[in-house]
């Protein structure tokens, strides 16, 4: 896997939570593609995932 892949390795050394390890891991840089906003469509609704000024993520409907 190269450094530009949006998927991260599914396991971490010493990590034992199988449910967490089995779900997709995405790099935020890949999702945002240099921007600060991603719109997610879920169950007929739009959600906005934003990067805040403090470099945190916030999800709003």
PDB file of N, CA and C in Angstrom:
ATOM      1  N   UNK A   1       0.846  -1.179   0.000  1.00  0.00           N
ATOM      2  CA  UNK A   1       0.000   0.000   0.000  1.00  0.00           C
ATOM      3  C   UNK A   1       0.889   1.238   0.000  1.00  0.00           C
ATOM      4  N   UNK A   2       0.625   2.197  -0.888  1.00  0.00           N
ATOM      5  CA  UNK A   2       1.454   3.397  -0.938  1.00  0.00           C
ATOM      6  C   UNK A   2       0.929   4.463   0.009  1.00  0.00           C
ATOM      7  N   UNK A   3       1.695   5.524   0.211  1.00  0.00           N
ATOM      8  CA  UNK A   3       1.321   6.577   1.146  1.00  0.00           C
ATOM      9  C   UNK A   3       0.116   7.380   0.685  1.00  0.00           C
ATOM     10  N   UNK A   4      -0.236   7.304  -0.588  1.00  0.00           N
ATOM     11  CA  UNK A   4      -1.357   8.084  -1.090  1.00  0.00           C
ATOM     12  C   UNK A   4      -2.686   7.326  -1.058  1.00  0.00           C
ATOM     13  N   UNK A   5      -2.678   6.107  -0.608  1.00  0.00           N
ATOM     14  CA  UNK A   5      -3.904   5.322  -0.539  1.00  0.00           C
ATOM     15  C   UNK A   5      -4.841   5.917   0.507  1.00  0.00           C
ATOM     16  N   UNK A   6      -6.153   6.049   0.198  1.00  0.00           N
ATOM     17  CA  UNK A   6      -7.081   6.589   1.187  1.00  0.00           C
ATOM     18  C   UNK A   6      -7.346   5.611   2.328  1.00  0.00           C
ATOM     19  N   UNK A   7      -7.047   4.332   2.138  1.00  0.00           N
ATOM     20  CA  UNK A   7      -7.284   3.344   3.184  1.00  0.00           C
ATOM     21  C   UNK A   7      -6.036   3.151   4.024  1.00  0.00           C
ATOM     22  N   UNK A   8      -6.221   3.086   5.318  1.00  0.00           N
ATOM     23  CA  UNK A   8      -5.139   2.824   6.245  1.00  0.00           C
ATOM     24  C   UNK A   8      -5.117   1.335   6.560  1.00  0.00           C
ATOM     25  N   UNK A   9      -4.005   0.829   7.058  1.00  0.00           N
ATOM     26  CA  UNK A   9      -4.007  -0.567   7.512  1.00  0.00           C
ATOM     27  C   UNK A   9      -5.094  -0.764   8.557  1.00  0.00           C
ATOM     28  N   UNK A  10      -5.747  -1.899   8.553  1.00  0.00           N
ATOM     29  CA  UNK A  10      -6.882  -2.134   9.435  1.00  0.00           C
ATOM     30  C   UNK A  10      -6.487  -2.521  10.855  1.00  0.00           C
ATOM     31  N   UNK A  11      -5.278  -2.840  11.077  1.00  0.00           N
ATOM     32  CA  UNK A  11      -4.870  -3.213  12.432  1.00  0.00           C
ATOM     33  C   UNK A  11      -3.690  -2.362  12.856  1.00  0.00           C
ATOM     34  N   UNK A  12      -3.598  -2.150  14.146  1.00  0.00           N
ATOM     35  CA  UNK A  12      -2.483  -1.408  14.725  1.00  0.00           C
ATOM     36  C   UNK A  12      -1.778  -2.348  15.693  1.00  0.00           C
ATOM     37  N   UNK A  13      -0.477  -2.192  15.869  1.00  0.00           N
ATOM     38  CA  UNK A  13       0.225  -3.052  16.823  1.00  0.00           C
ATOM     39  C   UNK A  13      -0.431  -2.956  18.197  1.00  0.00           C
ATOM     40  N   UNK A  14      -0.744  -4.100  18.786  1.00  0.00           N
ATOM     41  CA  UNK A  14      -1.347  -4.127  20.115  1.00  0.00           C
ATOM     42  C   UNK A  14      -2.826  -3.829  20.138  1.00  0.00           C
ATOM     43  N   UNK A  15      -3.451  -3.594  18.985  1.00  0.00           N
ATOM     44  CA  UNK A  15      -4.875  -3.263  18.928  1.00  0.00           C
ATOM     45  C   UNK A  15      -5.693  -4.536  18.960  1.00  0.00           C
ATOM     46  N   UNK A  16      -6.679  -4.630  19.856  1.00  0.00           N
ATOM     47  CA  UNK A  16      -7.426  -5.879  20.029  1.00  0.00           C
ATOM     48  C   UNK A  16      -8.903  -5.755  19.717  1.00  0.00           C
ATOM     49  N   UNK A  17      -9.413  -4.602  19.360  1.00  0.00           N
ATOM     50  CA  UNK A  17     -10.836  -4.403  19.077  1.00  0.00           C
ATOM     51  C   UNK A  17     -11.122  -4.845  17.646  1.00  0.00           C
ATOM     52  N   UNK A  18     -11.647  -6.049  17.468  1.00  0.00           N
ATOM     53  CA  UNK A  18     -11.867  -6.597  16.133  1.00  0.00           C
ATOM     54  C   UNK A  18     -12.892  -5.808  15.332  1.00  0.00           C
ATOM     55  N   UNK A  19     -13.956  -5.298  15.971  1.00  0.00           N
ATOM     56  CA  UNK A  19     -14.968  -4.521  15.245  1.00  0.00           C
ATOM     57  C   UNK A  19     -14.344  -3.257  14.680  1.00  0.00           C
ATOM     58  N   UNK A  20     -13.541  -2.590  15.461  1.00  0.00           N
ATOM     59  CA  UNK A  20     -12.868  -1.377  14.998  1.00  0.00           C
ATOM     60  C   UNK A  20     -11.858  -1.707  13.903  1.00  0.00           C
ATOM     61  N   UNK A  21     -11.129  -2.765  14.092  1.00  0.00           N
ATOM     62  CA  UNK A  21     -10.103  -3.140  13.130  1.00  0.00           C
ATOM     63  C   UNK A  21     -10.713  -3.563  11.793  1.00  0.00           C
ATOM     64  N   UNK A  22     -11.936  -4.092  11.809  1.00  0.00           N
ATOM     65  CA  UNK A  22     -12.565  -4.596  10.588  1.00  0.00           C
ATOM     66  C   UNK A  22     -13.217  -3.499   9.749  1.00  0.00           C
ATOM     67  N   UNK A  23     -13.466  -2.328  10.305  1.00  0.00           N
ATOM     68  CA  UNK A  23     -14.133  -1.270   9.541  1.00  0.00           C
ATOM     69  C   UNK A  23     -13.115  -0.503   8.697  1.00  0.00           C
ATOM     70  N   UNK A  24     -13.579   0.124   7.596  1.00  0.00           N
ATOM     71  CA  UNK A  24     -12.645   0.895   6.760  1.00  0.00           C
ATOM     72  C   UNK A  24     -12.034   2.064   7.542  1.00  0.00           C
ATOM     73  N   UNK A  25     -10.775   2.319   7.305  1.00  0.00           N
ATOM     74  CA  UNK A  25     -10.071   3.464   7.879  1.00  0.00           C
ATOM     75  C   UNK A  25      -9.663   4.359   6.717  1.00  0.00           C
ATOM     76  N   UNK A  26     -10.137   5.593   6.716  1.00  0.00           N
ATOM     77  CA  UNK A  26      -9.865   6.538   5.634  1.00  0.00           C
ATOM     78  C   UNK A  26      -9.041   7.698   6.152  1.00  0.00           C
ATOM     79  N   UNK A  27      -8.159   8.192   5.319  1.00  0.00           N
ATOM     80  CA  UNK A  27      -7.380   9.381   5.667  1.00  0.00           C
ATOM     81  C   UNK A  27      -8.233  10.622   5.400  1.00  0.00           C
ATOM     82  N   UNK A  28      -8.294  11.519   6.371  1.00  0.00           N
ATOM     83  CA  UNK A  28      -9.100  12.728   6.192  1.00  0.00           C
ATOM     84  C   UNK A  28      -8.582  13.555   5.018  1.00  0.00           C
ATOM     85  N   UNK A  29      -7.282  13.518   4.770  1.00  0.00           N
ATOM     86  CA  UNK A  29      -6.722  14.267   3.647  1.00  0.00           C
ATOM     87  C   UNK A  29      -7.324  13.800   2.321  1.00  0.00           C
ATOM     88  N   UNK A  30      -7.597  12.503   2.222  1.00  0.00           N
ATOM     89  CA  UNK A  30      -8.212  11.963   1.009  1.00  0.00           C
ATOM     90  C   UNK A  30      -9.671  12.389   0.892  1.00  0.00           C
ATOM     91  N   UNK A  31     -10.370  12.412   2.005  1.00  0.00           N
ATOM     92  CA  UNK A  31     -11.780  12.815   1.987  1.00  0.00           C
ATOM     93  C   UNK A  31     -11.943  14.279   1.623  1.00  0.00           C
ATOM     94  N   UNK A  32     -11.130  15.132   2.210  1.00  0.00           N
ATOM     95  CA  UNK A  32     -11.280  16.573   2.017  1.00  0.00           C
ATOM     96  C   UNK A  32     -10.569  17.093   0.774  1.00  0.00           C
ATOM     97  N   UNK A  33      -9.628  16.345   0.235  1.00  0.00           N
ATOM     98  CA  UNK A  33      -8.917  16.713  -0.996  1.00  0.00           C
ATOM     99  C   UNK A  33      -8.451  18.170  -0.984  1.00  0.00           C
ATOM    100  N   UNK A  34      -7.875  18.588   0.132  1.00  0.00           N
ATOM    101  CA  UNK A  34      -7.344  19.939   0.231  1.00  0.00           C
ATOM    102  C   UNK A  34      -8.346  20.988   0.681  1.00  0.00           C
ATOM    103  N   UNK A  35      -9.617  20.614   0.797  1.00  0.00           N
ATOM    104  CA  UNK A  35     -10.653  21.556   1.233  1.00  0.00           C
ATOM    105  C   UNK A  35     -10.936  21.419   2.719  1.00  0.00           C
ATOM    106  N   UNK A  36     -12.007  22.062   3.151  1.00  0.00           N
ATOM    107  CA  UNK A  36     -12.393  22.053   4.563  1.00  0.00           C
ATOM    108  C   UNK A  36     -13.803  21.511   4.779  1.00  0.00           C
ATOM    109  N   UNK A  37     -14.480  21.062   3.699  1.00  0.00           N
ATOM    110  CA  UNK A  37     -15.874  20.630   3.800  1.00  0.00           C
ATOM    111  C   UNK A  37     -16.120  19.421   2.915  1.00  0.00           C
ATOM    112  N   UNK A  38     -16.848  18.433   3.461  1.00  0.00           N
ATOM    113  CA  UNK A  38     -17.312  17.272   2.711  1.00  0.00           C
ATOM    114  C   UNK A  38     -18.804  17.134   2.984  1.00  0.00           C
ATOM    115  N   UNK A  39     -19.597  16.910   1.940  1.00  0.00           N
ATOM    116  CA  UNK A  39     -21.019  16.658   2.107  1.00  0.00           C
ATOM    117  C   UNK A  39     -21.234  15.152   2.011  1.00  0.00           C
ATOM    118  N   UNK A  40     -21.926  14.606   3.020  1.00  0.00           N
ATOM    119  CA  UNK A  40     -22.207  13.174   3.078  1.00  0.00           C
ATOM    120  C   UNK A  40     -23.711  12.986   2.943  1.00  0.00           C
ATOM    121  N   UNK A  41     -24.123  12.143   1.998  1.00  0.00           N
ATOM    122  CA  UNK A  41     -25.534  11.822   1.832  1.00  0.00           C
ATOM    123  C   UNK A  41     -25.809  10.523   2.562  1.00  0.00           C
ATOM    124  N   UNK A  42     -26.800  10.563   3.478  1.00  0.00           N
ATOM    125  CA  UNK A  42     -27.135   9.382   4.267  1.00  0.00           C
ATOM    126  C   UNK A  42     -28.637   9.363   4.525  1.00  0.00           C
ATOM    127  N   UNK A  43     -29.291   8.295   4.099  1.00  0.00           N
ATOM    128  CA  UNK A  43     -30.725   8.093   4.346  1.00  0.00           C
ATOM    129  C   UNK A  43     -31.543   9.294   3.865  1.00  0.00           C
ATOM    130  N   UNK A  44     -31.176   9.826   2.706  1.00  0.00           N
ATOM    131  CA  UNK A  44     -31.934  10.932   2.124  1.00  0.00           C
ATOM    132  C   UNK A  44     -31.634  12.295   2.722  1.00  0.00           C
ATOM    133  N   UNK A  45     -30.669  12.389   3.608  1.00  0.00           N
ATOM    134  CA  UNK A  45     -30.308  13.678   4.225  1.00  0.00           C
ATOM    135  C   UNK A  45     -28.878  14.034   3.882  1.00  0.00           C
ATOM    136  N   UNK A  46     -28.593  15.324   3.901  1.00  0.00           N
ATOM    137  CA  UNK A  46     -27.228  15.823   3.702  1.00  0.00           C
ATOM    138  C   UNK A  46     -26.612  16.161   5.044  1.00  0.00           C
ATOM    139  N   UNK A  47     -25.387  15.718   5.233  1.00  0.00           N
ATOM    140  CA  UNK A  47     -24.605  16.056   6.409  1.00  0.00           C
ATOM    141  C   UNK A  47     -23.335  16.747   5.937  1.00  0.00           C
ATOM    142  N   UNK A  48     -22.856  17.683   6.728  1.00  0.00           N
ATOM    143  CA  UNK A  48     -21.623  18.379   6.397  1.00  0.00           C
ATOM    144  C   UNK A  48     -20.555  18.015   7.418  1.00  0.00           C
ATOM    145  N   UNK A  49     -19.444  17.524   6.916  1.00  0.00           N
ATOM    146  CA  UNK A  49     -18.285  17.239   7.748  1.00  0.00           C
ATOM    147  C   UNK A  49     -17.272  18.336   7.475  1.00  0.00           C
ATOM    148  N   UNK A  50     -16.914  19.083   8.515  1.00  0.00           N
ATOM    149  CA  UNK A  50     -16.018  20.236   8.369  1.00  0.00           C
ATOM    150  C   UNK A  50     -14.762  20.075   9.213  1.00  0.00           C
ATOM    151  N   UNK A  51     -13.705  20.702   8.743  1.00  0.00           N
ATOM    152  CA  UNK A  51     -12.484  20.847   9.531  1.00  0.00           C
ATOM    153  C   UNK A  51     -12.566  22.218  10.189  1.00  0.00           C
ATOM    154  N   UNK A  52     -12.454  22.261  11.511  1.00  0.00           N
ATOM    155  CA  UNK A  52     -12.556  23.516  12.243  1.00  0.00           C
ATOM    156  C   UNK A  52     -11.222  24.273  12.217  1.00  0.00           C
ATOM    157  N   UNK A  53     -11.248  25.489  12.725  1.00  0.00           N
ATOM    158  CA  UNK A  53     -10.032  26.300  12.815  1.00  0.00           C
ATOM    159  C   UNK A  53      -8.991  25.628  13.711  1.00  0.00           C
ATOM    160  N   UNK A  54      -9.447  24.827  14.674  1.00  0.00           N
ATOM    161  CA  UNK A  54      -8.551  24.108  15.572  1.00  0.00           C
ATOM    162  C   UNK A  54      -8.157  22.735  15.036  1.00  0.00           C
ATOM    163  N   UNK A  55      -8.437  22.482  13.753  1.00  0.00           N
ATOM    164  CA  UNK A  55      -8.108  21.238  13.067  1.00  0.00           C
ATOM    165  C   UNK A  55      -8.819  20.014  13.659  1.00  0.00           C
ATOM    166  N   UNK A  56     -10.036  20.230  14.147  1.00  0.00           N
ATOM    167  CA  UNK A  56     -10.904  19.143  14.618  1.00  0.00           C
ATOM    168  C   UNK A  56     -11.966  18.906  13.553  1.00  0.00           C
ATOM    169  N   UNK A  57     -12.720  17.803  13.689  1.00  0.00           N
ATOM    170  CA  UNK A  57     -13.809  17.517  12.759  1.00  0.00           C
ATOM    171  C   UNK A  57     -15.141  17.727  13.452  1.00  0.00           C
ATOM    172  N   UNK A  58     -16.109  18.292  12.713  1.00  0.00           N
ATOM    173  CA  UNK A  58     -17.453  18.469  13.236  1.00  0.00           C
ATOM    174  C   UNK A  58     -18.436  18.039  12.152  1.00  0.00           C
ATOM    175  N   UNK A  59     -19.447  17.252  12.547  1.00  0.00           N
ATOM    176  CA  UNK A  59     -20.471  16.750  11.629  1.00  0.00           C
ATOM    177  C   UNK A  59     -21.785  17.398  11.989  1.00  0.00           C
ATOM    178  N   UNK A  60     -22.438  18.033  11.011  1.00  0.00           N
ATOM    179  CA  UNK A  60     -23.733  18.665  11.237  1.00  0.00           C
ATOM    180  C   UNK A  60     -24.708  18.222  10.161  1.00  0.00           C
ATOM    181  N   UNK A  61     -26.007  18.263  10.523  1.00  0.00           N
ATOM    182  CA  UNK A  61     -27.069  17.888   9.581  1.00  0.00           C
ATOM    183  C   UNK A  61     -27.671  19.136   8.980  1.00  0.00           C
TER     184      UNK A  61
END
